[in-house]
Amino acid sequence: MDDIQPYVFLVIGAFCLLIASLFAGNVEWVLGATETSYYGTLAIAFVLILVAGIFWVSAARSLKK
């Protein structure tokens, strides 16, 4: 199981980055969008990018060992 863990972390990180880029790429300030929903979506995308980075760093550390 230890051999597959870094690759699972890479896939989870890629999935988080995919979802974050979908959110960040599609958010627009249009009629009907509130300030809370706009900035909330950007905050969620930012947090998902950070989570993806954490998964990738831990996968890289696992592969280095």
PDB file of N, CA and C in Angstrom:
ATOM      1  N   MET A   1       0.818  -1.205   0.000  1.00  0.00           N
ATOM      2  CA  MET A   1       0.000   0.000   0.000  1.00  0.00           C
ATOM      3  C   MET A   1       0.857   1.262   0.000  1.00  0.00           C
ATOM      4  N   ASP A   2       2.049   1.176   0.586  1.00  0.00           N
ATOM      5  CA  ASP A   2       2.906   2.346   0.619  1.00  0.00           C
ATOM      6  C   ASP A   2       3.391   2.748  -0.768  1.00  0.00           C
ATOM      7  N   ASP A   3       3.472   1.784  -1.684  1.00  0.00           N
ATOM      8  CA  ASP A   3       3.947   2.087  -3.027  1.00  0.00           C
ATOM      9  C   ASP A   3       2.944   2.887  -3.833  1.00  0.00           C
ATOM     10  N   ILE A   4       1.676   2.724  -3.547  1.00  0.00           N
ATOM     11  CA  ILE A   4       0.637   3.377  -4.338  1.00  0.00           C
ATOM     12  C   ILE A   4       0.220   4.733  -3.748  1.00  0.00           C
ATOM     13  N   GLN A   5       0.530   4.993  -2.501  1.00  0.00           N
ATOM     14  CA  GLN A   5       0.083   6.215  -1.838  1.00  0.00           C
ATOM     15  C   GLN A   5       0.514   7.509  -2.541  1.00  0.00           C
ATOM     16  N   PRO A   6       1.760   7.671  -2.976  1.00  0.00           N
ATOM     17  CA  PRO A   6       2.120   8.917  -3.658  1.00  0.00           C
ATOM     18  C   PRO A   6       1.321   9.155  -4.939  1.00  0.00           C
ATOM     19  N   TYR A   7       1.023   8.087  -5.650  1.00  0.00           N
ATOM     20  CA  TYR A   7       0.270   8.235  -6.898  1.00  0.00           C
ATOM     21  C   TYR A   7      -1.198   8.583  -6.630  1.00  0.00           C
ATOM     22  N   VAL A   8      -1.727   8.058  -5.550  1.00  0.00           N
ATOM     23  CA  VAL A   8      -3.093   8.434  -5.156  1.00  0.00           C
ATOM     24  C   VAL A   8      -3.121   9.911  -4.768  1.00  0.00           C
ATOM     25  N   PHE A   9      -2.098  10.359  -4.043  1.00  0.00           N
ATOM     26  CA  PHE A   9      -2.028  11.768  -3.669  1.00  0.00           C
ATOM     27  C   PHE A   9      -1.888  12.664  -4.894  1.00  0.00           C
ATOM     28  N   LEU A  10      -1.135  12.232  -5.901  1.00  0.00           N
ATOM     29  CA  LEU A  10      -1.019  13.014  -7.131  1.00  0.00           C
ATOM     30  C   LEU A  10      -2.363  13.137  -7.841  1.00  0.00           C
ATOM     31  N   VAL A  11      -3.115  12.057  -7.870  1.00  0.00           N
ATOM     32  CA  VAL A  11      -4.426  12.086  -8.523  1.00  0.00           C
ATOM     33  C   VAL A  11      -5.398  12.959  -7.747  1.00  0.00           C
ATOM     34  N   ILE A  12      -5.391  12.853  -6.432  1.00  0.00           N
ATOM     35  CA  ILE A  12      -6.279  13.689  -5.616  1.00  0.00           C
ATOM     36  C   ILE A  12      -5.918  15.166  -5.788  1.00  0.00           C
ATOM     37  N   GLY A  13      -4.625  15.475  -5.813  1.00  0.00           N
ATOM     38  CA  GLY A  13      -4.189  16.847  -6.025  1.00  0.00           C
ATOM     39  C   GLY A  13      -4.599  17.373  -7.385  1.00  0.00           C
ATOM     40  N   ALA A  14      -4.478  16.538  -8.412  1.00  0.00           N
ATOM     41  CA  ALA A  14      -4.889  16.955  -9.755  1.00  0.00           C
ATOM     42  C   ALA A  14      -6.396  17.193  -9.813  1.00  0.00           C
ATOM     43  N   PHE A  15      -7.160  16.342  -9.131  1.00  0.00           N
ATOM     44  CA  PHE A  15      -8.612  16.523  -9.104  1.00  0.00           C
ATOM     45  C   PHE A  15      -8.991  17.823  -8.390  1.00  0.00           C
ATOM     46  N   CYS A  16      -8.317  18.112  -7.281  1.00  0.00           N
ATOM     47  CA  CYS A  16      -8.587  19.372  -6.559  1.00  0.00           C
ATOM     48  C   CYS A  16      -8.254  20.577  -7.430  1.00  0.00           C
ATOM     49  N   LEU A  17      -7.151  20.500  -8.148  1.00  0.00           N
ATOM     50  CA  LEU A  17      -6.763  21.611  -9.024  1.00  0.00           C
ATOM     51  C   LEU A  17      -7.742  21.759 -10.184  1.00  0.00           C
ATOM     52  N   LEU A  18      -8.240  20.657 -10.712  1.00  0.00           N
ATOM     53  CA  LEU A  18      -9.228  20.710 -11.782  1.00  0.00           C
ATOM     54  C   LEU A  18     -10.499  21.407 -11.317  1.00  0.00           C
ATOM     55  N   ILE A  19     -11.002  21.013 -10.160  1.00  0.00           N
ATOM     56  CA  ILE A  19     -12.224  21.628  -9.629  1.00  0.00           C
ATOM     57  C   ILE A  19     -11.996  23.107  -9.340  1.00  0.00           C
ATOM     58  N   ALA A  20     -10.833  23.445  -8.768  1.00  0.00           N
ATOM     59  CA  ALA A  20     -10.526  24.844  -8.466  1.00  0.00           C
ATOM     60  C   ALA A  20     -10.446  25.677  -9.737  1.00  0.00           C
ATOM     61  N   SER A  21      -9.846  25.147 -10.783  1.00  0.00           N
ATOM     62  CA  SER A  21      -9.742  25.917 -12.024  1.00  0.00           C
ATOM     63  C   SER A  21     -11.103  26.070 -12.696  1.00  0.00           C
ATOM     64  N   LEU A  22     -11.959  25.061 -12.548  1.00  0.00           N
ATOM     65  CA  LEU A  22     -13.318  25.201 -13.072  1.00  0.00           C
ATOM     66  C   LEU A  22     -14.073  26.308 -12.342  1.00  0.00           C
ATOM     67  N   PHE A  23     -13.949  26.334 -11.026  1.00  0.00           N
ATOM     68  CA  PHE A  23     -14.609  27.377 -10.244  1.00  0.00           C
ATOM     69  C   PHE A  23     -14.063  28.757 -10.595  1.00  0.00           C
ATOM     70  N   ALA A  24     -12.742  28.895 -10.578  1.00  0.00           N
ATOM     71  CA  ALA A  24     -12.127  30.203 -10.801  1.00  0.00           C
ATOM     72  C   ALA A  24     -12.323  30.689 -12.235  1.00  0.00           C
ATOM     73  N   GLY A  25     -12.370  29.767 -13.173  1.00  0.00           N
ATOM     74  CA  GLY A  25     -12.529  30.162 -14.570  1.00  0.00           C
ATOM     75  C   GLY A  25     -13.944  30.560 -14.938  1.00  0.00           C
ATOM     76  N   ASN A  26     -14.903  30.105 -14.184  1.00  0.00           N
ATOM     77  CA  ASN A  26     -16.298  30.377 -14.535  1.00  0.00           C
ATOM     78  C   ASN A  26     -16.977  31.410 -13.657  1.00  0.00           C
ATOM     79  N   VAL A  27     -16.308  31.894 -12.636  1.00  0.00           N
ATOM     80  CA  VAL A  27     -16.944  32.884 -11.771  1.00  0.00           C
ATOM     81  C   VAL A  27     -16.958  34.238 -12.483  1.00  0.00           C
ATOM     82  N   GLU A  28     -18.114  34.875 -12.476  1.00  0.00           N
ATOM     83  CA  GLU A  28     -18.282  36.175 -13.117  1.00  0.00           C
ATOM     84  C   GLU A  28     -19.174  37.044 -12.239  1.00  0.00           C
ATOM     85  N   TRP A  29     -18.918  38.325 -12.318  1.00  0.00           N
ATOM     86  CA  TRP A  29     -19.775  39.274 -11.623  1.00  0.00           C
ATOM     87  C   TRP A  29     -20.898  39.665 -12.586  1.00  0.00           C
ATOM     88  N   VAL A  30     -22.006  38.954 -12.523  1.00  0.00           N
ATOM     89  CA  VAL A  30     -23.130  39.186 -13.424  1.00  0.00           C
ATOM     90  C   VAL A  30     -24.357  39.543 -12.607  1.00  0.00           C
ATOM     91  N   LEU A  31     -25.406  39.879 -13.307  1.00  0.00           N
ATOM     92  CA  LEU A  31     -26.663  40.209 -12.649  1.00  0.00           C
ATOM     93  C   LEU A  31     -27.169  38.991 -11.880  1.00  0.00           C
ATOM     94  N   GLY A  32     -27.431  39.172 -10.620  1.00  0.00           N
ATOM     95  CA  GLY A  32     -27.918  38.088  -9.784  1.00  0.00           C
ATOM     96  C   GLY A  32     -26.848  37.485  -8.891  1.00  0.00           C
ATOM     97  N   ALA A  33     -25.585  37.806  -9.167  1.00  0.00           N
ATOM     98  CA  ALA A  33     -24.508  37.299  -8.314  1.00  0.00           C
ATOM     99  C   ALA A  33     -24.307  38.270  -7.157  1.00  0.00           C
ATOM    100  N   THR A  34     -24.324  37.736  -5.966  1.00  0.00           N
ATOM    101  CA  THR A  34     -24.089  38.590  -4.810  1.00  0.00           C
ATOM    102  C   THR A  34     -22.593  38.683  -4.546  1.00  0.00           C
ATOM    103  N   GLU A  35     -22.235  39.663  -3.764  1.00  0.00           N
ATOM    104  CA  GLU A  35     -20.832  39.842  -3.410  1.00  0.00           C
ATOM    105  C   GLU A  35     -20.317  38.631  -2.622  1.00  0.00           C
ATOM    106  N   THR A  36     -21.164  38.104  -1.765  1.00  0.00           N
ATOM    107  CA  THR A  36     -20.781  36.944  -0.968  1.00  0.00           C
ATOM    108  C   THR A  36     -20.534  35.717  -1.832  1.00  0.00           C
ATOM    109  N   SER A  37     -21.402  35.470  -2.793  1.00  0.00           N
ATOM    110  CA  SER A  37     -21.227  34.290  -3.646  1.00  0.00           C
ATOM    111  C   SER A  37     -20.007  34.424  -4.548  1.00  0.00           C
ATOM    112  N   TYR A  38     -19.755  35.623  -5.037  1.00  0.00           N
ATOM    113  CA  TYR A  38     -18.600  35.851  -5.910  1.00  0.00           C
ATOM    114  C   TYR A  38     -17.293  35.611  -5.157  1.00  0.00           C
ATOM    115  N   TYR A  39     -17.142  36.289  -4.036  1.00  0.00           N
ATOM    116  CA  TYR A  39     -15.901  36.143  -3.266  1.00  0.00           C
ATOM    117  C   TYR A  39     -15.817  34.783  -2.575  1.00  0.00           C
ATOM    118  N   GLY A  40     -16.941  34.200  -2.248  1.00  0.00           N
ATOM    119  CA  GLY A  40     -16.940  32.863  -1.674  1.00  0.00           C
ATOM    120  C   GLY A  40     -16.437  31.826  -2.660  1.00  0.00           C
ATOM    121  N   THR A  41     -16.849  31.944  -3.910  1.00  0.00           N
ATOM    122  CA  THR A  41     -16.366  31.029  -4.937  1.00  0.00           C
ATOM    123  C   THR A  41     -14.871  31.187  -5.160  1.00  0.00           C
ATOM    124  N   LEU A  42     -14.388  32.422  -5.168  1.00  0.00           N
ATOM    125  CA  LEU A  42     -12.945  32.643  -5.306  1.00  0.00           C
ATOM    126  C   LEU A  42     -12.180  32.078  -4.110  1.00  0.00           C
ATOM    127  N   ALA A  43     -12.749  32.198  -2.924  1.00  0.00           N
ATOM    128  CA  ALA A  43     -12.093  31.656  -1.728  1.00  0.00           C
ATOM    129  C   ALA A  43     -12.051  30.130  -1.771  1.00  0.00           C
ATOM    130  N   ILE A  44     -13.129  29.510  -2.218  1.00  0.00           N
ATOM    131  CA  ILE A  44     -13.155  28.053  -2.340  1.00  0.00           C
ATOM    132  C   ILE A  44     -12.114  27.585  -3.355  1.00  0.00           C
ATOM    133  N   ALA A  45     -12.020  28.291  -4.478  1.00  0.00           N
ATOM    134  CA  ALA A  45     -11.026  27.929  -5.491  1.00  0.00           C
ATOM    135  C   ALA A  45      -9.615  28.076  -4.934  1.00  0.00           C
ATOM    136  N   PHE A  46      -9.365  29.133  -4.188  1.00  0.00           N
ATOM    137  CA  PHE A  46      -8.042  29.355  -3.599  1.00  0.00           C
ATOM    138  C   PHE A  46      -7.689  28.245  -2.613  1.00  0.00           C
ATOM    139  N   VAL A  47      -8.634  27.873  -1.771  1.00  0.00           N
ATOM    140  CA  VAL A  47      -8.390  26.808  -0.790  1.00  0.00           C
ATOM    141  C   VAL A  47      -8.142  25.474  -1.495  1.00  0.00           C
ATOM    142  N   LEU A  48      -8.891  25.188  -2.556  1.00  0.00           N
ATOM    143  CA  LEU A  48      -8.672  23.946  -3.294  1.00  0.00           C
ATOM    144  C   LEU A  48      -7.298  23.917  -3.957  1.00  0.00           C
ATOM    145  N   ILE A  49      -6.816  25.056  -4.434  1.00  0.00           N
ATOM    146  CA  ILE A  49      -5.470  25.127  -5.004  1.00  0.00           C
ATOM    147  C   ILE A  49      -4.436  24.860  -3.916  1.00  0.00           C
ATOM    148  N   LEU A  50      -4.646  25.398  -2.735  1.00  0.00           N
ATOM    149  CA  LEU A  50      -3.726  25.130  -1.635  1.00  0.00           C
ATOM    150  C   LEU A  50      -3.744  23.652  -1.236  1.00  0.00           C
ATOM    151  N   VAL A  51      -4.920  23.061  -1.199  1.00  0.00           N
ATOM    152  CA  VAL A  51      -5.037  21.638  -0.855  1.00  0.00           C
ATOM    153  C   VAL A  51      -4.327  20.778  -1.908  1.00  0.00           C
ATOM    154  N   ALA A  52      -4.480  21.129  -3.172  1.00  0.00           N
ATOM    155  CA  ALA A  52      -3.788  20.395  -4.233  1.00  0.00           C
ATOM    156  C   ALA A  52      -2.279  20.486  -4.049  1.00  0.00           C
ATOM    157  N   GLY A  53      -1.792  21.651  -3.692  1.00  0.00           N
ATOM    158  CA  GLY A  53      -0.364  21.807  -3.444  1.00  0.00           C
ATOM    159  C   GLY A  53       0.122  20.968  -2.280  1.00  0.00           C
ATOM    160  N   ILE A  54      -0.676  20.894  -1.238  1.00  0.00           N
ATOM    161  CA  ILE A  54      -0.300  20.075  -0.082  1.00  0.00           C
ATOM    162  C   ILE A  54      -0.226  18.599  -0.477  1.00  0.00           C
ATOM    163  N   PHE A  55      -1.196  18.141  -1.258  1.00  0.00           N
ATOM    164  CA  PHE A  55      -1.161  16.748  -1.711  1.00  0.00           C
ATOM    165  C   PHE A  55       0.064  16.490  -2.583  1.00  0.00           C
ATOM    166  N   TRP A  56       0.398  17.423  -3.471  1.00  0.00           N
ATOM    167  CA  TRP A  56       1.543  17.221  -4.358  1.00  0.00           C
ATOM    168  C   TRP A  56       2.860  17.249  -3.596  1.00  0.00           C
ATOM    169  N   VAL A  57       2.970  18.124  -2.613  1.00  0.00           N
ATOM    170  CA  VAL A  57       4.201  18.169  -1.822  1.00  0.00           C
ATOM    171  C   VAL A  57       4.365  16.886  -1.018  1.00  0.00           C
ATOM    172  N   SER A  58       3.292  16.397  -0.426  1.00  0.00           N
ATOM    173  CA  SER A  58       3.404  15.161   0.345  1.00  0.00           C
ATOM    174  C   SER A  58       3.688  13.967  -0.570  1.00  0.00           C
ATOM    175  N   ALA A  59       3.169  13.984  -1.781  1.00  0.00           N
ATOM    176  CA  ALA A  59       3.485  12.907  -2.725  1.00  0.00           C
ATOM    177  C   ALA A  59       4.945  12.969  -3.135  1.00  0.00           C
ATOM    178  N   ALA A  60       5.459  14.162  -3.355  1.00  0.00           N
ATOM    179  CA  ALA A  60       6.865  14.314  -3.737  1.00  0.00           C
ATOM    180  C   ALA A  60       7.783  13.873  -2.595  1.00  0.00           C
ATOM    181  N   ARG A  61       7.412  14.195  -1.384  1.00  0.00           N
ATOM    182  CA  ARG A  61       8.225  13.764  -0.228  1.00  0.00           C
ATOM    183  C   ARG A  61       8.195  12.249  -0.088  1.00  0.00           C
ATOM    184  N   SER A  62       7.057  11.634  -0.378  1.00  0.00           N
ATOM    185  CA  SER A  62       6.950  10.184  -0.296  1.00  0.00           C
ATOM    186  C   SER A  62       7.795   9.507  -1.367  1.00  0.00           C
ATOM    187  N   LEU A  63       7.803  10.072  -2.556  1.00  0.00           N
ATOM    188  CA  LEU A  63       8.580   9.489  -3.644  1.00  0.00           C
ATOM    189  C   LEU A  63      10.077   9.662  -3.434  1.00  0.00           C
ATOM    190  N   LYS A  64      10.458  10.722  -2.723  1.00  0.00           N
ATOM    191  CA  LYS A  64      11.878  10.987  -2.484  1.00  0.00           C
ATOM    192  C   LYS A  64      12.491   9.947  -1.563  1.00  0.00           C
ATOM    193  N   LYS A  65      11.720   9.423  -0.629  1.00  0.00           N
ATOM    194  CA  LYS A  65      12.236   8.476   0.368  1.00  0.00           C
ATOM    195  C   LYS A  65      12.597   7.145  -0.225  1.00  0.00           C
TER     196      LYS A  65
END
